[in-house]
C-alpha atoms as a PDB file:
ATOM      1  CA  UNK A   1       0.008   0.012  -0.004  1.00  0.00           C
ATOM      2  CA  UNK A   2       2.989   2.277   0.404  1.00  0.00           C
ATOM      3  CA  UNK A   3       4.578   3.995  -2.575  1.00  0.00           C
ATOM      4  CA  UNK A   4       6.623   7.055  -3.514  1.00  0.00           C
ATOM      5  CA  UNK A   5       6.682   8.308  -7.065  1.00  0.00           C
ATOM      6  CA  UNK A   6       9.832   9.839  -8.554  1.00  0.00           C
ATOM      7  CA  UNK A   7      13.542   9.575  -8.137  1.00  0.00           C
ATOM      8  CA  UNK A   8      16.845  10.929  -9.491  1.00  0.00           C
ATOM      9  CA  UNK A   9      19.361   8.631 -11.019  1.00  0.00           C
ATOM     10  CA  UNK A  10      22.754   9.100  -9.352  1.00  0.00           C
ATOM     11  CA  UNK A  11      24.881   6.395 -10.872  1.00  0.00           C
ATOM     12  CA  UNK A  12      24.655   3.554 -13.428  1.00  0.00           C
ATOM     13  CA  UNK A  13      27.032   0.720 -14.128  1.00  0.00           C
ATOM     14  CA  UNK A  14      25.933  -1.142 -17.249  1.00  0.00           C
ATOM     15  CA  UNK A  15      28.470  -3.995 -17.237  1.00  0.00           C
ATOM     16  CA  UNK A  16      27.755  -5.016 -13.635  1.00  0.00           C
ATOM     17  CA  UNK A  17      24.115  -4.010 -13.939  1.00  0.00           C
ATOM     18  CA  UNK A  18      23.422  -1.426 -11.171  1.00  0.00           C
ATOM     19  CA  UNK A  19      21.559   1.827 -10.828  1.00  0.00           C
ATOM     20  CA  UNK A  20      21.607   3.994  -7.784  1.00  0.00           C
ATOM     21  CA  UNK A  21      18.639   6.318  -7.362  1.00  0.00           C
ATOM     22  CA  UNK A  22      17.582   8.866  -4.740  1.00  0.00           C
ATOM     23  CA  UNK A  23      13.881   8.977  -3.942  1.00  0.00           C
ATOM     24  CA  UNK A  24      12.160  12.329  -4.572  1.00  0.00           C
ATOM     25  CA  UNK A  25      10.730  12.202  -1.053  1.00  0.00           C
ATOM     26  CA  UNK A  26      11.939  10.668   2.214  1.00  0.00           C
ATOM     27  CA  UNK A  27       9.596   7.847   3.126  1.00  0.00           C
ATOM     28  CA  UNK A  28       7.364   8.888   6.015  1.00  0.00           C
ATOM     29  CA  UNK A  29       7.810   7.144   9.413  1.00  0.00           C
ATOM     30  CA  UNK A  30       4.497   5.346   8.843  1.00  0.00           C
ATOM     31  CA  UNK A  31       6.157   3.276   6.064  1.00  0.00           C
ATOM     32  CA  UNK A  32       8.513   1.738   8.597  1.00  0.00           C
ATOM     33  CA  UNK A  33      11.201   1.579   5.909  1.00  0.00           C
ATOM     34  CA  UNK A  34      14.396  -0.354   6.401  1.00  0.00           C
ATOM     35  CA  UNK A  35      17.598   1.088   4.890  1.00  0.00           C
ATOM     36  CA  UNK A  36      19.902  -1.818   3.909  1.00  0.00           C
ATOM     37  CA  UNK A  37      23.586  -1.577   4.669  1.00  0.00           C
ATOM     38  CA  UNK A  38      26.307  -3.094   2.545  1.00  0.00           C
ATOM     39  CA  UNK A  39      29.398  -5.277   2.756  1.00  0.00           C
ATOM     40  CA  UNK A  40      32.354  -4.740   0.396  1.00  0.00           C
ATOM     41  CA  UNK A  41      34.354  -7.691   1.811  1.00  0.00           C
ATOM     42  CA  UNK A  42      35.555 -10.313  -0.676  1.00  0.00           C
ATOM     43  CA  UNK A  43      34.512 -12.988   1.853  1.00  0.00           C
ATOM     44  CA  UNK A  44      31.775 -15.301   0.696  1.00  0.00           C
ATOM     45  CA  UNK A  45      28.730 -15.269   2.911  1.00  0.00           C
ATOM     46  CA  UNK A  46      27.128 -18.232   4.571  1.00  0.00           C
ATOM     47  CA  UNK A  47      23.701 -17.664   3.023  1.00  0.00           C
ATOM     48  CA  UNK A  48      21.956 -15.146   0.846  1.00  0.00           C
ATOM     49  CA  UNK A  49      18.496 -13.767   0.227  1.00  0.00           C
ATOM     50  CA  UNK A  50      17.039 -11.570  -2.463  1.00  0.00           C
ATOM     51  CA  UNK A  51      13.921  -9.393  -2.403  1.00  0.00           C
ATOM     52  CA  UNK A  52      12.472  -8.677  -5.841  1.00  0.00           C
ATOM     53  CA  UNK A  53       9.387  -7.751  -7.870  1.00  0.00           C
ATOM     54  CA  UNK A  54       9.455 -10.008 -10.972  1.00  0.00           C
ATOM     55  CA  UNK A  55       7.621  -8.375 -13.896  1.00  0.00           C
ATOM     56  CA  UNK A  56       6.380  -5.682 -11.432  1.00  0.00           C
ATOM     57  CA  UNK A  57       4.557  -8.328  -9.365  1.00  0.00           C
ATOM     58  CA  UNK A  58       4.102  -8.101  -5.598  1.00  0.00           C
ATOM     59  CA  UNK A  59       7.268  -8.564  -3.475  1.00  0.00           C
ATOM     60  CA  UNK A  60       8.923 -11.979  -3.629  1.00  0.00           C
ATOM     61  CA  UNK A  61      11.709 -13.325  -1.426  1.00  0.00           C
ATOM     62  CA  UNK A  62      14.143 -16.062  -2.455  1.00  0.00           C
ATOM     63  CA  UNK A  63      16.785 -17.635  -0.168  1.00  0.00           C
ATOM     64  CA  UNK A  64      19.846 -19.874  -0.519  1.00  0.00           C
ATOM     65  CA  UNK A  65      21.454 -21.551   2.424  1.00  0.00           C
ATOM     66  CA  UNK A  66      24.739 -22.156   0.543  1.00  0.00           C
ATOM     67  CA  UNK A  67      27.369 -19.462   0.204  1.00  0.00           C
ATOM     68  CA  UNK A  68      27.437 -17.770  -3.217  1.00  0.00           C
ATOM     69  CA  UNK A  69      30.373 -18.817  -5.311  1.00  0.00           C
ATOM     70  CA  UNK A  70      32.468 -17.512  -8.170  1.00  0.00           C
ATOM     71  CA  UNK A  71      30.699 -18.472 -11.391  1.00  0.00           C
ATOM     72  CA  UNK A  72      32.117 -21.291 -13.444  1.00  0.00           C
ATOM     73  CA  UNK A  73      30.456 -20.109 -16.647  1.00  0.00           C
ATOM     74  CA  UNK A  74      29.481 -16.823 -18.096  1.00  0.00           C
ATOM     75  CA  UNK A  75      26.216 -15.019 -18.492  1.00  0.00           C
ATOM     76  CA  UNK A  76      26.239 -12.147 -20.903  1.00  0.00           C
ATOM     77  CA  UNK A  77      29.781 -11.138 -19.863  1.00  0.00           C
ATOM     78  CA  UNK A  78      32.040  -9.050 -22.129  1.00  0.00           C
ATOM     79  CA  UNK A  79      35.002 -10.853 -23.736  1.00  0.00           C
ATOM     80  CA  UNK A  80      38.458 -10.706 -22.186  1.00  0.00           C
ATOM     81  CA  UNK A  81      40.077 -12.520 -19.332  1.00  0.00           C
ATOM     82  CA  UNK A  82      36.977 -14.390 -18.290  1.00  0.00           C
ATOM     83  CA  UNK A  83      38.326 -16.002 -15.174  1.00  0.00           C
ATOM     84  CA  UNK A  84      39.507 -12.739 -13.560  1.00  0.00           C
ATOM     85  CA  UNK A  85      36.361 -10.928 -14.627  1.00  0.00           C
ATOM     86  CA  UNK A  86      34.110 -13.573 -13.140  1.00  0.00           C
ATOM     87  CA  UNK A  87      36.148 -13.829  -9.929  1.00  0.00           C
ATOM     88  CA  UNK A  88      36.229 -10.093  -9.219  1.00  0.00           C
ATOM     89  CA  UNK A  89      32.913  -8.992 -10.612  1.00  0.00           C
ATOM     90  CA  UNK A  90      30.259 -11.662  -9.909  1.00  0.00           C
ATOM     91  CA  UNK A  91      28.579 -13.863  -7.351  1.00  0.00           C
ATOM     92  CA  UNK A  92      26.837 -17.004  -8.586  1.00  0.00           C
ATOM     93  CA  UNK A  93      23.729 -18.529  -7.043  1.00  0.00           C
ATOM     94  CA  UNK A  94      23.642 -22.087  -8.399  1.00  0.00           C
ATOM     95  CA  UNK A  95      20.107 -22.730  -7.232  1.00  0.00           C
ATOM     96  CA  UNK A  96      17.762 -21.082  -4.787  1.00  0.00           C
ATOM     97  CA  UNK A  97      16.615 -23.272  -1.876  1.00  0.00           C
ATOM     98  CA  UNK A  98      13.438 -21.281  -1.393  1.00  0.00           C
ATOM     99  CA  UNK A  99      11.743 -19.414  -4.275  1.00  0.00           C
ATOM    100  CA  UNK A 100      13.412 -18.255  -7.490  1.00  0.00           C
ATOM    101  CA  UNK A 101      13.871 -15.120  -9.524  1.00  0.00           C
ATOM    102  CA  UNK A 102      12.280 -14.353 -12.881  1.00  0.00           C
ATOM    103  CA  UNK A 103      12.467 -11.816 -15.685  1.00  0.00           C
ATOM    104  CA  UNK A 104      12.020  -8.388 -14.179  1.00  0.00           C
ATOM    105  CA  UNK A 105      13.935  -9.223 -11.043  1.00  0.00           C
ATOM    106  CA  UNK A 106      17.177  -7.663 -12.423  1.00  0.00           C
ATOM    107  CA  UNK A 107      18.799  -5.176 -10.135  1.00  0.00           C
ATOM    108  CA  UNK A 108      17.336  -6.757  -6.986  1.00  0.00           C
ATOM    109  CA  UNK A 109      19.760  -6.847  -4.081  1.00  0.00           C
ATOM    110  CA  UNK A 110      21.623  -9.959  -2.967  1.00  0.00           C
ATOM    111  CA  UNK A 111      21.670  -9.731   0.860  1.00  0.00           C
ATOM    112  CA  UNK A 112      23.990 -11.631   3.167  1.00  0.00           C
ATOM    113  CA  UNK A 113      23.014 -13.274   6.420  1.00  0.00           C
ATOM    114  CA  UNK A 114      23.441  -9.852   8.147  1.00  0.00           C
ATOM    115  CA  UNK A 115      20.947  -8.189   5.738  1.00  0.00           C
ATOM    116  CA  UNK A 116      23.723  -6.235   3.970  1.00  0.00           C
ATOM    117  CA  UNK A 117      23.796  -5.815   0.168  1.00  0.00           C
ATOM    118  CA  UNK A 118      26.632  -7.836  -1.398  1.00  0.00           C
ATOM    119  CA  UNK A 119      25.432  -7.797  -4.983  1.00  0.00           C
ATOM    120  CA  UNK A 120      22.704  -6.973  -7.479  1.00  0.00           C
ATOM    121  CA  UNK A 121      20.996  -9.346  -9.945  1.00  0.00           C
ATOM    122  CA  UNK A 122      22.691  -9.130 -13.334  1.00  0.00           C
ATOM    123  CA  UNK A 123      20.870 -12.012 -15.012  1.00  0.00           C
ATOM    124  CA  UNK A 124      20.293 -15.656 -15.283  1.00  0.00           C
ATOM    125  CA  UNK A 125      17.919 -18.222 -16.620  1.00  0.00           C
ATOM    126  CA  UNK A 126      15.910 -18.842 -13.433  1.00  0.00           C
ATOM    127  CA  UNK A 127      12.115 -18.862 -13.442  1.00  0.00           C
ATOM    128  CA  UNK A 128       9.313 -20.775 -11.839  1.00  0.00           C
ATOM    129  CA  UNK A 129       9.675 -23.408 -14.527  1.00  0.00           C
ATOM    130  CA  UNK A 130      13.484 -23.370 -14.654  1.00  0.00           C
ATOM    131  CA  UNK A 131      15.349 -23.707 -11.369  1.00  0.00           C
ATOM    132  CA  UNK A 132      18.728 -22.615 -12.689  1.00  0.00           C
ATOM    133  CA  UNK A 133      21.604 -20.263 -11.753  1.00  0.00           C
ATOM    134  CA  UNK A 134      21.595 -16.496 -11.276  1.00  0.00           C
ATOM    135  CA  UNK A 135      24.588 -14.111 -11.716  1.00  0.00           C
ATOM    136  CA  UNK A 136      24.888 -11.121  -9.314  1.00  0.00           C
ATOM    137  CA  UNK A 137      27.245  -8.213  -9.866  1.00  0.00           C
ATOM    138  CA  UNK A 138      29.349  -7.926  -6.770  1.00  0.00           C
ATOM    139  CA  UNK A 139      28.620  -4.761  -4.761  1.00  0.00           C
ATOM    140  CA  UNK A 140      32.354  -4.293  -4.425  1.00  0.00           C
ATOM    141  CA  UNK A 141      32.737  -4.240  -8.219  1.00  0.00           C
ATOM    142  CA  UNK A 142      29.940  -1.633  -8.461  1.00  0.00           C
ATOM    143  CA  UNK A 143      31.607   0.390  -5.713  1.00  0.00           C
ATOM    144  CA  UNK A 144      34.680   1.158  -7.828  1.00  0.00           C
ATOM    145  CA  UNK A 145      33.202   0.730 -11.313  1.00  0.00           C
ATOM    146  CA  UNK A 146      33.968   3.300 -13.889  1.00  0.00           C
ATOM    147  CA  UNK A 147      35.896   6.586 -13.751  1.00  0.00           C
ATOM    148  CA  UNK A 148      33.315   9.041 -12.433  1.00  0.00           C
ATOM    149  CA  UNK A 149      30.627   9.511  -9.804  1.00  0.00           C
ATOM    150  CA  UNK A 150      27.971   8.777 -12.412  1.00  0.00           C
ATOM    151  CA  UNK A 151      29.300   5.242 -12.906  1.00  0.00           C
ATOM    152  CA  UNK A 152      30.224   4.010  -9.466  1.00  0.00           C
ATOM    153  CA  UNK A 153      28.734   3.841  -5.926  1.00  0.00           C
ATOM    154  CA  UNK A 154      31.566   5.030  -3.652  1.00  0.00           C
ATOM    155  CA  UNK A 155      31.125   8.725  -4.449  1.00  0.00           C
ATOM    156  CA  UNK A 156      27.536   8.599  -3.251  1.00  0.00           C
ATOM    157  CA  UNK A 157      27.659   6.061  -0.425  1.00  0.00           C
ATOM    158  CA  UNK A 158      30.969   7.167   1.103  1.00  0.00           C
ATOM    159  CA  UNK A 159      31.249  10.817  -0.021  1.00  0.00           C
ATOM    160  CA  UNK A 160      33.799  11.602   2.743  1.00  0.00           C
ATOM    161  CA  UNK A 161      36.042   8.716   1.570  1.00  0.00           C
ATOM    162  CA  UNK A 162      36.179   7.136   5.019  1.00  0.00           C
ATOM    163  CA  UNK A 163      37.087   3.748   3.606  1.00  0.00           C
ATOM    164  CA  UNK A 164      34.133   2.072   5.320  1.00  0.00           C
ATOM    165  CA  UNK A 165      33.900  -1.562   4.103  1.00  0.00           C
ATOM    166  CA  UNK A 166      30.860  -2.618   6.057  1.00  0.00           C
ATOM    167  CA  UNK A 167      27.791  -0.569   6.966  1.00  0.00           C
ATOM    168  CA  UNK A 168      24.898  -2.081   8.928  1.00  0.00           C
ATOM    169  CA  UNK A 169      21.339  -1.391   7.835  1.00  0.00           C
ATOM    170  CA  UNK A 170      18.905   0.539  10.025  1.00  0.00           C
ATOM    171  CA  UNK A 171      15.181   1.021  10.540  1.00  0.00           C
ATOM    172  CA  UNK A 172      13.825   4.448   9.611  1.00  0.00           C
ATOM    173  CA  UNK A 173      12.142   4.900  12.993  1.00  0.00           C
END
């Protein structure tokens, strides 16, 4: 029932598939919003969850009890040194234990066991009829992506250049 219309695009990273937007209005306290934190560590997490709206549908949640891994194959990845690109840029969810993603879920956050963003859905072949892998751009790759504030996250999420690697989420109230 809660919605806000309008936002400004702050940064976009096409190759790792992220967009950072700022809402046009601060959500009112009655929304009881949760502001997710992030984790830039290269450590693999013990479990992951994603919250998404496939094809604009109502909110869906998918979970995997296994740690995400480095992909062993590519999904729409530019040519070059594939191994290094996969290792440094992507997390791979081989198969969700609970739920799945579908078309339209792209950009949804990959959350670790501490509810921190560690990636964003780049793509995959998963659907309700195809329980197959998903590829997530690593949040750490998006952090330093590109050569300007309009193509990376760090300028917006750490504007004072504190070097913070982990930020916990918080409730709005």
